[in-house]
Amino acid sequence: MIDVQERKPEYAFKLTRVGVVGIKKLVSVERGGKTTMLTPVVDAFVDLPSTKKGSHMSRNVEAINEIVDEAVRKPAKGIENLCASIAKRLLIKHQYANYAEVNMKADYFLERKSPSGNTSMENYELIAKAAIKRDEEVKKSIGVNVVGMAACPCAMETVKELSESKLSVTHNQRNIASLMIEVPEKYDVEAHDLIKIVDASFSSPTYEILKRKDEAE
């Protein structure tokens, strides 16, 4: 059978990232003695040398499936470690590649209590990345996307200037803040801690259930 990917291309250009995106999987993650089921969306890439006409895309999906299947039977130590394992497997399957990159995003729920005492499950987004060059150590990152509220300082100062009573009235803005950090080998960073850091930067976190008293506070 003719292998088109192995043919010499008409134009010799190296591509830094070729791969698959939007692969949704079910994984089991264990952190701090607690096991959580997540459904991350996975993107997986390798580089393509100028001597190749194309990449074997099915190998990317194979690498994802193999590592994810292992994580279902035995919980992984975080999605950033899953990304790292898939990236390493990609370089095994793509012998011509010198670089591999894997990204994941997954919904993550935490129980939160509003100022008035109402409890709800708040939705956050976990983000993770792993990148590796052949014969080098893998670089892992973990992060979060968090939705929060911010009081507009511009409107507040304008109202103060125009109001005789100097009321600190303004309007709220709904924001998405992202925080991502690189994690050295043998170290773990908890998503809860990253969420706390981001929440503290907002004027107020968001709550699924919010009473009038909560809004006033």
N, C-alpha and C. Protein backbone atom coordinates (compact mmCIF):
# COMPACT_ATOMS: atom_id res chain seq x y z
N MET A 1 0.84 -1.20 0.00
CA MET A 1 0.00 0.00 0.00
C MET A 1 0.88 1.25 0.00
N ILE A 2 0.54 2.20 -0.85
CA ILE A 2 1.31 3.44 -0.95
C ILE A 2 1.12 4.29 0.31
N ASP A 3 2.23 4.72 0.88
CA ASP A 3 2.19 5.57 2.07
C ASP A 3 2.45 7.01 1.63
N VAL A 4 1.37 7.75 1.42
CA VAL A 4 1.48 9.12 0.92
C VAL A 4 2.27 10.00 1.89
N GLN A 5 2.10 9.76 3.19
CA GLN A 5 2.78 10.61 4.18
C GLN A 5 4.30 10.56 4.05
N GLU A 6 4.81 9.42 3.55
CA GLU A 6 6.26 9.26 3.47
C GLU A 6 6.85 9.86 2.19
N ARG A 7 6.00 10.31 1.29
CA ARG A 7 6.51 10.91 0.07
C ARG A 7 7.21 12.24 0.34
N LYS A 8 8.11 12.59 -0.56
CA LYS A 8 8.78 13.88 -0.44
C LYS A 8 7.83 14.97 -0.92
N PRO A 9 7.64 16.02 -0.12
CA PRO A 9 6.71 17.08 -0.52
C PRO A 9 7.26 17.93 -1.67
N GLU A 10 6.34 18.54 -2.41
CA GLU A 10 6.75 19.41 -3.51
C GLU A 10 7.49 20.63 -2.99
N TYR A 11 7.02 21.15 -1.86
CA TYR A 11 7.67 22.29 -1.22
C TYR A 11 8.15 21.87 0.16
N ALA A 12 9.43 22.07 0.42
CA ALA A 12 10.03 21.57 1.67
C ALA A 12 9.87 22.59 2.79
N PHE A 13 8.74 22.49 3.50
CA PHE A 13 8.49 23.35 4.65
C PHE A 13 8.31 22.49 5.89
N LYS A 14 8.98 22.88 6.96
CA LYS A 14 8.75 22.21 8.24
C LYS A 14 7.51 22.81 8.89
N LEU A 15 6.65 21.95 9.44
CA LEU A 15 5.47 22.40 10.18
C LEU A 15 5.71 22.17 11.66
N THR A 16 5.50 23.20 12.47
CA THR A 16 5.81 23.09 13.90
C THR A 16 4.75 22.34 14.69
N ARG A 17 3.50 22.33 14.18
CA ARG A 17 2.44 21.62 14.90
C ARG A 17 1.41 21.06 13.91
N VAL A 18 1.28 19.75 13.90
CA VAL A 18 0.20 19.09 13.15
C VAL A 18 -0.42 18.07 14.09
N GLY A 19 -1.73 17.91 14.03
CA GLY A 19 -2.33 16.96 14.96
C GLY A 19 -3.83 16.95 14.93
N VAL A 20 -4.40 16.54 16.05
CA VAL A 20 -5.85 16.41 16.19
C VAL A 20 -6.32 17.26 17.36
N VAL A 21 -7.56 17.75 17.27
CA VAL A 21 -8.12 18.57 18.34
C VAL A 21 -9.53 18.10 18.67
N GLY A 22 -9.95 18.43 19.90
CA GLY A 22 -11.33 18.18 20.29
C GLY A 22 -11.67 16.74 20.58
N ILE A 23 -10.69 15.93 21.01
CA ILE A 23 -10.95 14.53 21.36
C ILE A 23 -11.44 14.48 22.81
N LYS A 24 -12.69 14.10 23.00
CA LYS A 24 -13.28 14.09 24.34
C LYS A 24 -13.19 12.70 24.95
N LYS A 25 -12.70 12.63 26.19
CA LYS A 25 -12.48 11.35 26.86
C LYS A 25 -12.95 11.40 28.31
N LEU A 26 -13.11 10.22 28.88
CA LEU A 26 -13.44 10.08 30.30
C LEU A 26 -12.20 9.57 31.02
N VAL A 27 -11.77 10.29 32.06
CA VAL A 27 -10.58 9.89 32.81
C VAL A 27 -10.85 9.94 34.30
N SER A 28 -10.05 9.20 35.03
CA SER A 28 -10.13 9.18 36.49
C SER A 28 -8.85 9.80 37.04
N VAL A 29 -9.01 10.80 37.91
CA VAL A 29 -7.86 11.52 38.47
C VAL A 29 -7.89 11.43 39.98
N GLU A 30 -6.74 11.10 40.57
CA GLU A 30 -6.64 11.00 42.03
C GLU A 30 -5.71 12.08 42.56
N ARG A 31 -6.20 12.84 43.53
CA ARG A 31 -5.39 13.90 44.13
C ARG A 31 -5.79 14.02 45.59
N GLY A 32 -4.81 13.99 46.48
CA GLY A 32 -5.09 14.14 47.91
C GLY A 32 -6.00 13.07 48.47
N GLY A 33 -5.87 11.85 47.95
CA GLY A 33 -6.69 10.75 48.45
C GLY A 33 -8.11 10.74 47.91
N LYS A 34 -8.43 11.66 47.01
CA LYS A 34 -9.78 11.75 46.45
C LYS A 34 -9.73 11.48 44.95
N THR A 35 -10.65 10.62 44.49
CA THR A 35 -10.73 10.30 43.07
C THR A 35 -11.87 11.06 42.41
N THR A 36 -11.58 11.70 41.28
CA THR A 36 -12.56 12.50 40.56
C THR A 36 -12.62 12.06 39.11
N MET A 37 -13.83 11.93 38.57
CA MET A 37 -14.01 11.62 37.16
C MET A 37 -14.12 12.93 36.38
N LEU A 38 -13.34 13.04 35.32
CA LEU A 38 -13.34 14.22 34.47
C LEU A 38 -13.57 13.81 33.01
N THR A 39 -14.09 14.74 32.22
CA THR A 39 -14.26 14.49 30.78
C THR A 39 -13.49 15.57 30.01
N PRO A 40 -12.17 15.44 29.95
CA PRO A 40 -11.37 16.46 29.28
C PRO A 40 -11.50 16.40 27.76
N VAL A 41 -11.25 17.54 27.14
CA VAL A 41 -11.12 17.62 25.68
C VAL A 41 -9.62 17.73 25.39
N VAL A 42 -9.13 16.85 24.52
CA VAL A 42 -7.69 16.71 24.30
C VAL A 42 -7.30 17.18 22.90
N ASP A 43 -6.21 17.95 22.83
CA ASP A 43 -5.57 18.32 21.57
C ASP A 43 -4.16 17.75 21.60
N ALA A 44 -3.72 17.11 20.52
CA ALA A 44 -2.40 16.48 20.50
C ALA A 44 -1.69 16.80 19.18
N PHE A 45 -0.43 17.24 19.30
CA PHE A 45 0.32 17.68 18.13
C PHE A 45 1.75 17.12 18.14
N VAL A 46 2.32 16.99 16.95
CA VAL A 46 3.75 16.76 16.78
C VAL A 46 4.24 17.70 15.68
N ASP A 47 5.55 17.83 15.56
CA ASP A 47 6.06 18.61 14.43
C ASP A 47 6.25 17.68 13.23
N LEU A 48 6.35 18.27 12.06
CA LEU A 48 6.51 17.50 10.82
C LEU A 48 7.71 18.03 10.06
N PRO A 49 8.74 17.18 9.85
CA PRO A 49 9.94 17.65 9.16
C PRO A 49 9.65 17.97 7.69
N SER A 50 10.52 18.75 7.10
CA SER A 50 10.33 19.18 5.71
C SER A 50 10.44 18.03 4.71
N THR A 51 10.95 16.89 5.15
CA THR A 51 11.12 15.74 4.26
C THR A 51 9.86 14.89 4.16
N LYS A 52 8.85 15.18 4.96
CA LYS A 52 7.62 14.38 4.98
C LYS A 52 6.47 15.15 4.33
N LYS A 53 5.64 14.42 3.58
CA LYS A 53 4.49 15.04 2.94
C LYS A 53 3.32 15.19 3.91
N GLY A 54 3.25 14.30 4.91
CA GLY A 54 2.13 14.37 5.85
C GLY A 54 2.43 13.61 7.12
N SER A 55 1.52 13.74 8.08
CA SER A 55 1.65 13.08 9.38
C SER A 55 0.62 11.97 9.51
N HIS A 56 0.95 10.95 10.28
CA HIS A 56 0.02 9.85 10.55
C HIS A 56 -0.89 10.25 11.71
N MET A 57 -2.00 10.91 11.39
CA MET A 57 -2.88 11.47 12.42
C MET A 57 -3.48 10.40 13.33
N SER A 58 -3.72 9.21 12.79
CA SER A 58 -4.34 8.16 13.61
C SER A 58 -3.46 7.78 14.79
N ARG A 59 -2.16 7.98 14.66
CA ARG A 59 -1.25 7.65 15.76
C ARG A 59 -1.47 8.59 16.95
N ASN A 60 -1.88 9.81 16.67
CA ASN A 60 -2.19 10.73 17.77
C ASN A 60 -3.36 10.22 18.59
N VAL A 61 -4.41 9.78 17.88
CA VAL A 61 -5.58 9.25 18.57
C VAL A 61 -5.23 7.96 19.31
N GLU A 62 -4.40 7.13 18.71
CA GLU A 62 -3.96 5.89 19.38
C GLU A 62 -3.23 6.22 20.68
N ALA A 63 -2.34 7.20 20.64
CA ALA A 63 -1.59 7.58 21.85
C ALA A 63 -2.53 8.07 22.94
N ILE A 64 -3.51 8.89 22.56
CA ILE A 64 -4.49 9.39 23.53
C ILE A 64 -5.26 8.23 24.14
N ASN A 65 -5.77 7.34 23.28
CA ASN A 65 -6.59 6.22 23.76
C ASN A 65 -5.81 5.30 24.70
N GLU A 66 -4.56 5.02 24.36
CA GLU A 66 -3.76 4.11 25.18
C GLU A 66 -3.54 4.67 26.58
N ILE A 67 -3.17 5.94 26.67
CA ILE A 67 -2.90 6.55 27.98
C ILE A 67 -4.19 6.73 28.76
N VAL A 68 -5.26 7.15 28.09
CA VAL A 68 -6.54 7.35 28.77
C VAL A 68 -7.09 6.03 29.29
N ASP A 69 -6.97 4.97 28.51
CA ASP A 69 -7.44 3.65 28.96
C ASP A 69 -6.72 3.23 30.23
N GLU A 70 -5.44 3.52 30.31
CA GLU A 70 -4.68 3.20 31.52
C GLU A 70 -5.18 4.04 32.69
N ALA A 71 -5.57 5.29 32.43
CA ALA A 71 -6.04 6.18 33.50
C ALA A 71 -7.43 5.79 33.99
N VAL A 72 -8.20 5.09 33.17
CA VAL A 72 -9.51 4.62 33.61
C VAL A 72 -9.34 3.46 34.59
N ARG A 73 -8.39 2.58 34.29
CA ARG A 73 -8.14 1.43 35.17
C ARG A 73 -7.40 1.85 36.44
N LYS A 74 -6.46 2.77 36.30
CA LYS A 74 -5.69 3.26 37.44
C LYS A 74 -5.68 4.79 37.39
N PRO A 75 -6.29 5.47 38.36
CA PRO A 75 -6.39 6.93 38.32
C PRO A 75 -5.05 7.62 38.11
N ALA A 76 -5.05 8.66 37.29
CA ALA A 76 -3.85 9.44 37.03
C ALA A 76 -3.66 10.48 38.13
N LYS A 77 -2.43 10.94 38.30
CA LYS A 77 -2.12 11.96 39.30
C LYS A 77 -2.21 13.36 38.69
N GLY A 78 -3.37 13.70 38.16
CA GLY A 78 -3.58 15.03 37.58
C GLY A 78 -3.56 15.01 36.07
N ILE A 79 -4.34 15.91 35.45
CA ILE A 79 -4.41 15.91 33.99
C ILE A 79 -3.12 16.42 33.36
N GLU A 80 -2.32 17.20 34.09
CA GLU A 80 -1.04 17.62 33.53
C GLU A 80 -0.11 16.42 33.35
N ASN A 81 -0.23 15.42 34.25
CA ASN A 81 0.56 14.21 34.11
C ASN A 81 0.04 13.33 32.97
N LEU A 82 -1.26 13.36 32.75
CA LEU A 82 -1.82 12.66 31.59
C LEU A 82 -1.28 13.28 30.30
N CYS A 83 -1.26 14.60 30.25
CA CYS A 83 -0.71 15.28 29.08
C CYS A 83 0.74 14.87 28.83
N ALA A 84 1.51 14.80 29.90
CA ALA A 84 2.93 14.43 29.79
C ALA A 84 3.08 13.01 29.25
N SER A 85 2.26 12.09 29.75
CA SER A 85 2.34 10.70 29.30
C SER A 85 1.96 10.57 27.82
N ILE A 86 0.94 11.30 27.41
CA ILE A 86 0.53 11.25 26.00
C ILE A 86 1.61 11.85 25.11
N ALA A 87 2.21 12.96 25.54
CA ALA A 87 3.27 13.60 24.75
C ALA A 87 4.45 12.65 24.54
N LYS A 88 4.83 11.94 25.60
CA LYS A 88 5.94 10.98 25.48
C LYS A 88 5.57 9.85 24.52
N ARG A 89 4.32 9.39 24.60
CA ARG A 89 3.86 8.31 23.72
C ARG A 89 3.83 8.76 22.26
N LEU A 90 3.52 10.02 22.03
CA LEU A 90 3.51 10.55 20.67
C LEU A 90 4.89 10.47 20.02
N LEU A 91 5.94 10.77 20.78
CA LEU A 91 7.29 10.70 20.21
C LEU A 91 7.71 9.27 19.94
N ILE A 92 7.15 8.33 20.68
CA ILE A 92 7.42 6.91 20.40
C ILE A 92 6.76 6.49 19.10
N LYS A 93 5.54 6.95 18.89
CA LYS A 93 4.78 6.56 17.70
C LYS A 93 5.22 7.32 16.45
N HIS A 94 5.66 8.56 16.62
CA HIS A 94 6.13 9.37 15.49
C HIS A 94 7.65 9.48 15.58
N GLN A 95 8.35 8.51 15.04
CA GLN A 95 9.81 8.49 15.14
C GLN A 95 10.46 9.65 14.41
N TYR A 96 9.79 10.22 13.43
CA TYR A 96 10.33 11.34 12.67
C TYR A 96 10.18 12.67 13.39
N ALA A 97 9.36 12.71 14.42
CA ALA A 97 9.06 13.97 15.13
C ALA A 97 10.10 14.26 16.21
N ASN A 98 10.36 15.53 16.42
CA ASN A 98 11.28 15.96 17.48
C ASN A 98 10.57 16.73 18.59
N TYR A 99 9.26 16.97 18.39
CA TYR A 99 8.51 17.77 19.36
C TYR A 99 7.09 17.24 19.44
N ALA A 100 6.56 17.21 20.66
CA ALA A 100 5.16 16.82 20.87
C ALA A 100 4.54 17.74 21.91
N GLU A 101 3.26 18.03 21.72
CA GLU A 101 2.54 18.92 22.63
C GLU A 101 1.12 18.41 22.82
N VAL A 102 0.66 18.42 24.06
CA VAL A 102 -0.69 17.97 24.38
C VAL A 102 -1.36 19.00 25.28
N ASN A 103 -2.59 19.35 24.95
CA ASN A 103 -3.38 20.28 25.76
C ASN A 103 -4.68 19.62 26.19
N MET A 104 -5.13 19.95 27.39
CA MET A 104 -6.41 19.43 27.89
C MET A 104 -7.19 20.55 28.56
N LYS A 105 -8.53 20.45 28.43
CA LYS A 105 -9.45 21.31 29.17
C LYS A 105 -10.56 20.43 29.72
N ALA A 106 -10.97 20.70 30.96
CA ALA A 106 -12.01 19.88 31.58
C ALA A 106 -12.83 20.71 32.55
N ASP A 107 -14.14 20.48 32.57
CA ASP A 107 -14.99 21.11 33.58
C ASP A 107 -14.68 20.53 34.95
N TYR A 108 -14.71 21.39 35.96
CA TYR A 108 -14.37 20.97 37.32
C TYR A 108 -15.33 21.67 38.28
N PHE A 109 -15.97 20.91 39.14
CA PHE A 109 -16.98 21.46 40.04
C PHE A 109 -16.50 21.45 41.49
N LEU A 110 -16.77 22.57 42.18
CA LEU A 110 -16.45 22.69 43.60
C LEU A 110 -17.68 23.18 44.34
N GLU A 111 -17.86 22.65 45.55
CA GLU A 111 -18.98 23.13 46.37
C GLU A 111 -18.60 24.46 46.98
N ARG A 112 -19.48 25.46 46.79
CA ARG A 112 -19.22 26.79 47.31
C ARG A 112 -20.41 27.27 48.13
N LYS A 113 -20.15 28.12 49.12
CA LYS A 113 -21.20 28.67 49.96
C LYS A 113 -21.24 30.19 49.79
N SER A 114 -22.43 30.72 49.51
CA SER A 114 -22.59 32.16 49.33
C SER A 114 -22.59 32.85 50.69
N PRO A 115 -22.46 34.19 50.74
CA PRO A 115 -22.46 34.91 52.02
C PRO A 115 -23.69 34.63 52.88
N SER A 116 -24.83 34.35 52.25
CA SER A 116 -26.06 34.08 53.02
C SER A 116 -26.18 32.62 53.43
N GLY A 117 -25.19 31.80 53.04
CA GLY A 117 -25.18 30.41 53.48
C GLY A 117 -25.73 29.41 52.50
N ASN A 118 -26.16 29.84 51.32
CA ASN A 118 -26.65 28.91 50.30
C ASN A 118 -25.48 28.15 49.68
N THR A 119 -25.66 26.85 49.53
CA THR A 119 -24.61 26.00 48.97
C THR A 119 -24.95 25.60 47.53
N SER A 120 -23.96 25.64 46.67
CA SER A 120 -24.15 25.24 45.27
C SER A 120 -22.84 24.69 44.72
N MET A 121 -22.95 23.98 43.60
CA MET A 121 -21.77 23.45 42.92
C MET A 121 -21.37 24.43 41.83
N GLU A 122 -20.22 25.05 41.99
CA GLU A 122 -19.76 26.04 41.02
C GLU A 122 -18.85 25.38 39.98
N ASN A 123 -19.00 25.82 38.74
CA ASN A 123 -18.26 25.23 37.63
C ASN A 123 -17.01 26.06 37.30
N TYR A 124 -15.87 25.37 37.21
CA TYR A 124 -14.61 25.99 36.80
C TYR A 124 -14.05 25.17 35.63
N GLU A 125 -13.02 25.67 35.01
CA GLU A 125 -12.39 24.94 33.92
C GLU A 125 -10.92 24.69 34.23
N LEU A 126 -10.53 23.43 34.23
CA LEU A 126 -9.12 23.07 34.39
C LEU A 126 -8.45 23.13 33.03
N ILE A 127 -7.22 23.59 32.98
CA ILE A 127 -6.44 23.59 31.75
C ILE A 127 -5.06 23.00 32.06
N ALA A 128 -4.55 22.22 31.14
CA ALA A 128 -3.24 21.59 31.34
C ALA A 128 -2.51 21.49 30.01
N LYS A 129 -1.19 21.47 30.10
CA LYS A 129 -0.37 21.38 28.89
C LYS A 129 0.91 20.63 29.21
N ALA A 130 1.38 19.87 28.23
CA ALA A 130 2.70 19.24 28.33
C ALA A 130 3.38 19.35 26.98
N ALA A 131 4.64 19.69 26.99
CA ALA A 131 5.42 19.81 25.76
C ALA A 131 6.77 19.14 25.98
N ILE A 132 7.24 18.44 24.95
CA ILE A 132 8.50 17.72 25.10
C ILE A 132 9.27 17.74 23.78
N LYS A 133 10.58 17.95 23.88
CA LYS A 133 11.47 17.79 22.75
C LYS A 133 12.22 16.47 22.93
N ARG A 134 12.49 15.81 21.83
CA ARG A 134 13.14 14.50 21.91
C ARG A 134 14.46 14.60 22.67
N ASP A 135 14.65 13.64 23.56
CA ASP A 135 15.85 13.54 24.40
C ASP A 135 15.94 14.65 25.45
N GLU A 136 14.81 15.33 25.71
CA GLU A 136 14.78 16.34 26.77
C GLU A 136 13.65 16.03 27.74
N GLU A 137 13.65 16.71 28.88
CA GLU A 137 12.62 16.51 29.89
C GLU A 137 11.31 17.16 29.44
N VAL A 138 10.21 16.54 29.83
CA VAL A 138 8.91 17.10 29.50
C VAL A 138 8.61 18.31 30.39
N LYS A 139 7.96 19.31 29.84
CA LYS A 139 7.55 20.49 30.59
C LYS A 139 6.03 20.45 30.76
N LYS A 140 5.57 20.49 32.03
CA LYS A 140 4.15 20.39 32.33
C LYS A 140 3.63 21.69 32.93
N SER A 141 2.39 22.01 32.61
CA SER A 141 1.73 23.19 33.18
C SER A 141 0.31 22.83 33.56
N ILE A 142 -0.18 23.45 34.64
CA ILE A 142 -1.55 23.26 35.09
C ILE A 142 -2.14 24.63 35.38
N GLY A 143 -3.43 24.77 35.12
CA GLY A 143 -4.05 26.07 35.35
C GLY A 143 -5.56 25.98 35.42
N VAL A 144 -6.18 27.14 35.55
CA VAL A 144 -7.64 27.22 35.66
C VAL A 144 -8.15 28.45 34.91
N ASN A 145 -9.37 28.34 34.42
CA ASN A 145 -10.14 29.49 33.94
C ASN A 145 -11.27 29.71 34.92
N VAL A 146 -11.36 30.91 35.47
CA VAL A 146 -12.34 31.21 36.53
C VAL A 146 -13.17 32.43 36.14
N VAL A 147 -14.48 32.33 36.31
CA VAL A 147 -15.39 33.45 36.06
C VAL A 147 -15.62 34.19 37.38
N GLY A 148 -15.53 35.51 37.36
CA GLY A 148 -15.74 36.30 38.56
C GLY A 148 -16.31 37.67 38.23
N MET A 149 -16.59 38.45 39.27
CA MET A 149 -17.16 39.78 39.11
C MET A 149 -16.13 40.85 39.48
N ALA A 150 -16.14 41.93 38.71
CA ALA A 150 -15.25 43.05 39.00
C ALA A 150 -16.05 44.34 38.96
N ALA A 151 -15.87 45.16 39.98
CA ALA A 151 -16.51 46.48 40.01
C ALA A 151 -15.71 47.43 39.14
N CYS A 152 -16.38 48.11 38.23
CA CYS A 152 -15.69 48.99 37.29
C CYS A 152 -15.14 50.23 38.01
N PRO A 153 -13.83 50.39 38.11
CA PRO A 153 -13.25 51.55 38.82
C PRO A 153 -13.50 52.87 38.09
N CYS A 154 -13.59 52.81 36.76
CA CYS A 154 -13.82 54.03 35.98
C CYS A 154 -15.20 54.62 36.30
N ALA A 155 -16.23 53.76 36.26
CA ALA A 155 -17.58 54.23 36.57
C ALA A 155 -17.68 54.71 38.01
N MET A 156 -17.00 54.03 38.92
CA MET A 156 -17.04 54.40 40.34
C MET A 156 -16.49 55.81 40.55
N GLU A 157 -15.36 56.11 39.93
CA GLU A 157 -14.75 57.44 40.10
C GLU A 157 -15.61 58.52 39.45
N THR A 158 -16.25 58.18 38.32
CA THR A 158 -17.11 59.15 37.65
C THR A 158 -18.31 59.51 38.51
N VAL A 159 -18.94 58.50 39.12
CA VAL A 159 -20.09 58.73 40.00
C VAL A 159 -19.67 59.56 41.21
N LYS A 160 -18.51 59.25 41.78
CA LYS A 160 -18.02 60.02 42.93
C LYS A 160 -17.86 61.50 42.57
N GLU A 161 -17.34 61.74 41.38
CA GLU A 161 -17.08 63.11 40.95
C GLU A 161 -18.38 63.89 40.72
N LEU A 162 -19.40 63.21 40.20
CA LEU A 162 -20.65 63.88 39.87
C LEU A 162 -21.65 63.91 41.02
N SER A 163 -21.42 63.07 42.03
CA SER A 163 -22.38 62.96 43.13
C SER A 163 -21.96 63.83 44.30
N GLU A 164 -22.90 64.61 44.82
CA GLU A 164 -22.62 65.45 45.99
C GLU A 164 -22.35 64.61 47.23
N SER A 165 -23.00 63.44 47.30
CA SER A 165 -22.83 62.59 48.48
C SER A 165 -21.62 61.68 48.36
N LYS A 166 -20.92 61.76 47.23
CA LYS A 166 -19.72 60.95 47.00
C LYS A 166 -20.00 59.45 47.14
N LEU A 167 -21.14 59.02 46.60
CA LEU A 167 -21.48 57.60 46.66
C LEU A 167 -20.53 56.78 45.79
N SER A 168 -20.13 55.63 46.31
CA SER A 168 -19.26 54.74 45.54
C SER A 168 -20.12 53.77 44.72
N VAL A 169 -20.85 54.31 43.76
CA VAL A 169 -21.74 53.49 42.94
C VAL A 169 -21.04 53.17 41.63
N THR A 170 -21.21 51.96 41.16
CA THR A 170 -20.60 51.56 39.89
C THR A 170 -21.41 50.42 39.29
N HIS A 171 -20.90 49.82 38.25
CA HIS A 171 -21.56 48.65 37.68
C HIS A 171 -20.59 47.47 37.71
N ASN A 172 -21.13 46.27 37.64
CA ASN A 172 -20.32 45.06 37.69
C ASN A 172 -19.98 44.57 36.29
N GLN A 173 -18.84 43.96 36.19
CA GLN A 173 -18.43 43.33 34.94
C GLN A 173 -18.11 41.87 35.20
N ARG A 174 -18.59 41.02 34.33
CA ARG A 174 -18.32 39.59 34.45
C ARG A 174 -17.04 39.30 33.67
N ASN A 175 -16.09 38.69 34.34
CA ASN A 175 -14.76 38.48 33.74
C ASN A 175 -14.37 37.01 33.79
N ILE A 176 -13.49 36.64 32.88
CA ILE A 176 -12.85 35.33 32.93
C ILE A 176 -11.36 35.55 33.12
N ALA A 177 -10.81 35.02 34.20
CA ALA A 177 -9.38 35.14 34.48
C ALA A 177 -8.73 33.77 34.35
N SER A 178 -7.56 33.75 33.73
CA SER A 178 -6.81 32.50 33.54
C SER A 178 -5.50 32.57 34.31
N LEU A 179 -5.16 31.47 34.94
CA LEU A 179 -3.89 31.35 35.66
C LEU A 179 -3.29 29.99 35.33
N MET A 180 -2.06 30.00 34.83
CA MET A 180 -1.41 28.75 34.46
C MET A 180 0.05 28.82 34.88
N ILE A 181 0.55 27.76 35.51
CA ILE A 181 1.94 27.74 35.97
C ILE A 181 2.60 26.44 35.55
N GLU A 182 3.90 26.53 35.33
CA GLU A 182 4.67 25.33 34.99
C GLU A 182 4.99 24.57 36.28
N VAL A 183 4.86 23.26 36.22
CA VAL A 183 5.04 22.42 37.40
C VAL A 183 6.28 21.53 37.22
N PRO A 184 7.29 21.67 38.07
CA PRO A 184 8.48 20.81 37.96
C PRO A 184 8.13 19.35 38.27
N GLU A 185 8.98 18.46 37.82
CA GLU A 185 8.80 17.04 38.13
C GLU A 185 8.79 16.81 39.64
N LYS A 186 7.98 15.87 40.07
CA LYS A 186 7.84 15.45 41.47
C LYS A 186 7.13 16.50 42.33
N TYR A 187 6.54 17.50 41.68
CA TYR A 187 5.75 18.49 42.41
C TYR A 187 4.33 18.49 41.87
N ASP A 188 3.38 18.73 42.77
CA ASP A 188 1.97 18.82 42.38
C ASP A 188 1.40 20.16 42.81
N VAL A 189 0.53 20.71 42.00
CA VAL A 189 -0.18 21.95 42.33
C VAL A 189 -1.66 21.64 42.30
N GLU A 190 -2.36 21.99 43.38
CA GLU A 190 -3.78 21.69 43.48
C GLU A 190 -4.62 22.76 42.77
N ALA A 191 -5.60 22.30 42.02
CA ALA A 191 -6.50 23.22 41.31
C ALA A 191 -7.24 24.12 42.29
N HIS A 192 -7.59 23.56 43.47
CA HIS A 192 -8.29 24.36 44.48
C HIS A 192 -7.49 25.61 44.84
N ASP A 193 -6.18 25.44 44.98
CA ASP A 193 -5.34 26.57 45.37
C ASP A 193 -5.29 27.64 44.28
N LEU A 194 -5.22 27.19 43.02
CA LEU A 194 -5.21 28.15 41.92
C LEU A 194 -6.53 28.91 41.83
N ILE A 195 -7.63 28.19 42.05
CA ILE A 195 -8.95 28.83 42.03
C ILE A 195 -9.06 29.88 43.13
N LYS A 196 -8.54 29.56 44.32
CA LYS A 196 -8.56 30.53 45.43
C LYS A 196 -7.78 31.79 45.09
N ILE A 197 -6.63 31.62 44.45
CA ILE A 197 -5.81 32.77 44.08
C ILE A 197 -6.56 33.67 43.09
N VAL A 198 -7.18 33.05 42.09
CA VAL A 198 -7.91 33.83 41.08
C VAL A 198 -9.13 34.50 41.70
N ASP A 199 -9.89 33.74 42.51
CA ASP A 199 -11.08 34.31 43.16
C ASP A 199 -10.73 35.54 44.00
N ALA A 200 -9.57 35.49 44.66
CA ALA A 200 -9.16 36.60 45.52
C ALA A 200 -8.84 37.86 44.73
N SER A 201 -8.59 37.72 43.43
CA SER A 201 -8.27 38.88 42.60
C SER A 201 -9.51 39.60 42.10
N PHE A 202 -10.69 38.96 42.22
CA PHE A 202 -11.94 39.58 41.78
C PHE A 202 -12.52 40.46 42.89
N SER A 203 -13.43 41.35 42.49
CA SER A 203 -14.21 42.08 43.49
C SER A 203 -15.10 41.12 44.25
N SER A 204 -15.58 40.08 43.54
CA SER A 204 -16.42 39.05 44.15
C SER A 204 -16.42 37.82 43.26
N PRO A 205 -16.45 36.62 43.86
CA PRO A 205 -16.65 35.42 43.05
C PRO A 205 -18.09 35.41 42.52
N THR A 206 -18.37 34.54 41.59
CA THR A 206 -19.75 34.34 41.14
C THR A 206 -20.36 33.19 41.93
N TYR A 207 -21.67 33.24 42.09
CA TYR A 207 -22.40 32.18 42.79
C TYR A 207 -23.61 31.77 41.96
N GLU A 208 -23.87 30.48 41.92
CA GLU A 208 -25.02 29.98 41.18
C GLU A 208 -26.32 30.49 41.80
N ILE A 209 -26.36 30.53 43.14
CA ILE A 209 -27.51 31.05 43.88
C ILE A 209 -27.08 32.33 44.59
N LEU A 210 -27.73 33.45 44.23
CA LEU A 210 -27.34 34.73 44.81
C LEU A 210 -28.60 35.50 45.23
N LYS A 211 -28.73 35.72 46.52
CA LYS A 211 -29.87 36.47 47.06
C LYS A 211 -29.55 37.97 47.08
N ARG A 212 -30.60 38.78 47.32
CA ARG A 212 -30.40 40.23 47.35
C ARG A 212 -29.38 40.65 48.40
N LYS A 213 -29.42 39.98 49.55
CA LYS A 213 -28.47 40.29 50.61
C LYS A 213 -27.04 40.01 50.15
N ASP A 214 -26.87 38.91 49.41
CA ASP A 214 -25.54 38.58 48.88
C ASP A 214 -25.05 39.67 47.95
N GLU A 215 -25.94 40.17 47.09
CA GLU A 215 -25.55 41.21 46.14
C GLU A 215 -25.12 42.48 46.87
N ALA A 216 -25.84 42.82 47.94
CA ALA A 216 -25.49 44.02 48.71
C ALA A 216 -24.13 43.88 49.37
N GLU A 217 -23.83 42.69 49.86
CA GLU A 217 -22.55 42.47 50.52
C GLU A 217 -21.41 42.43 49.52
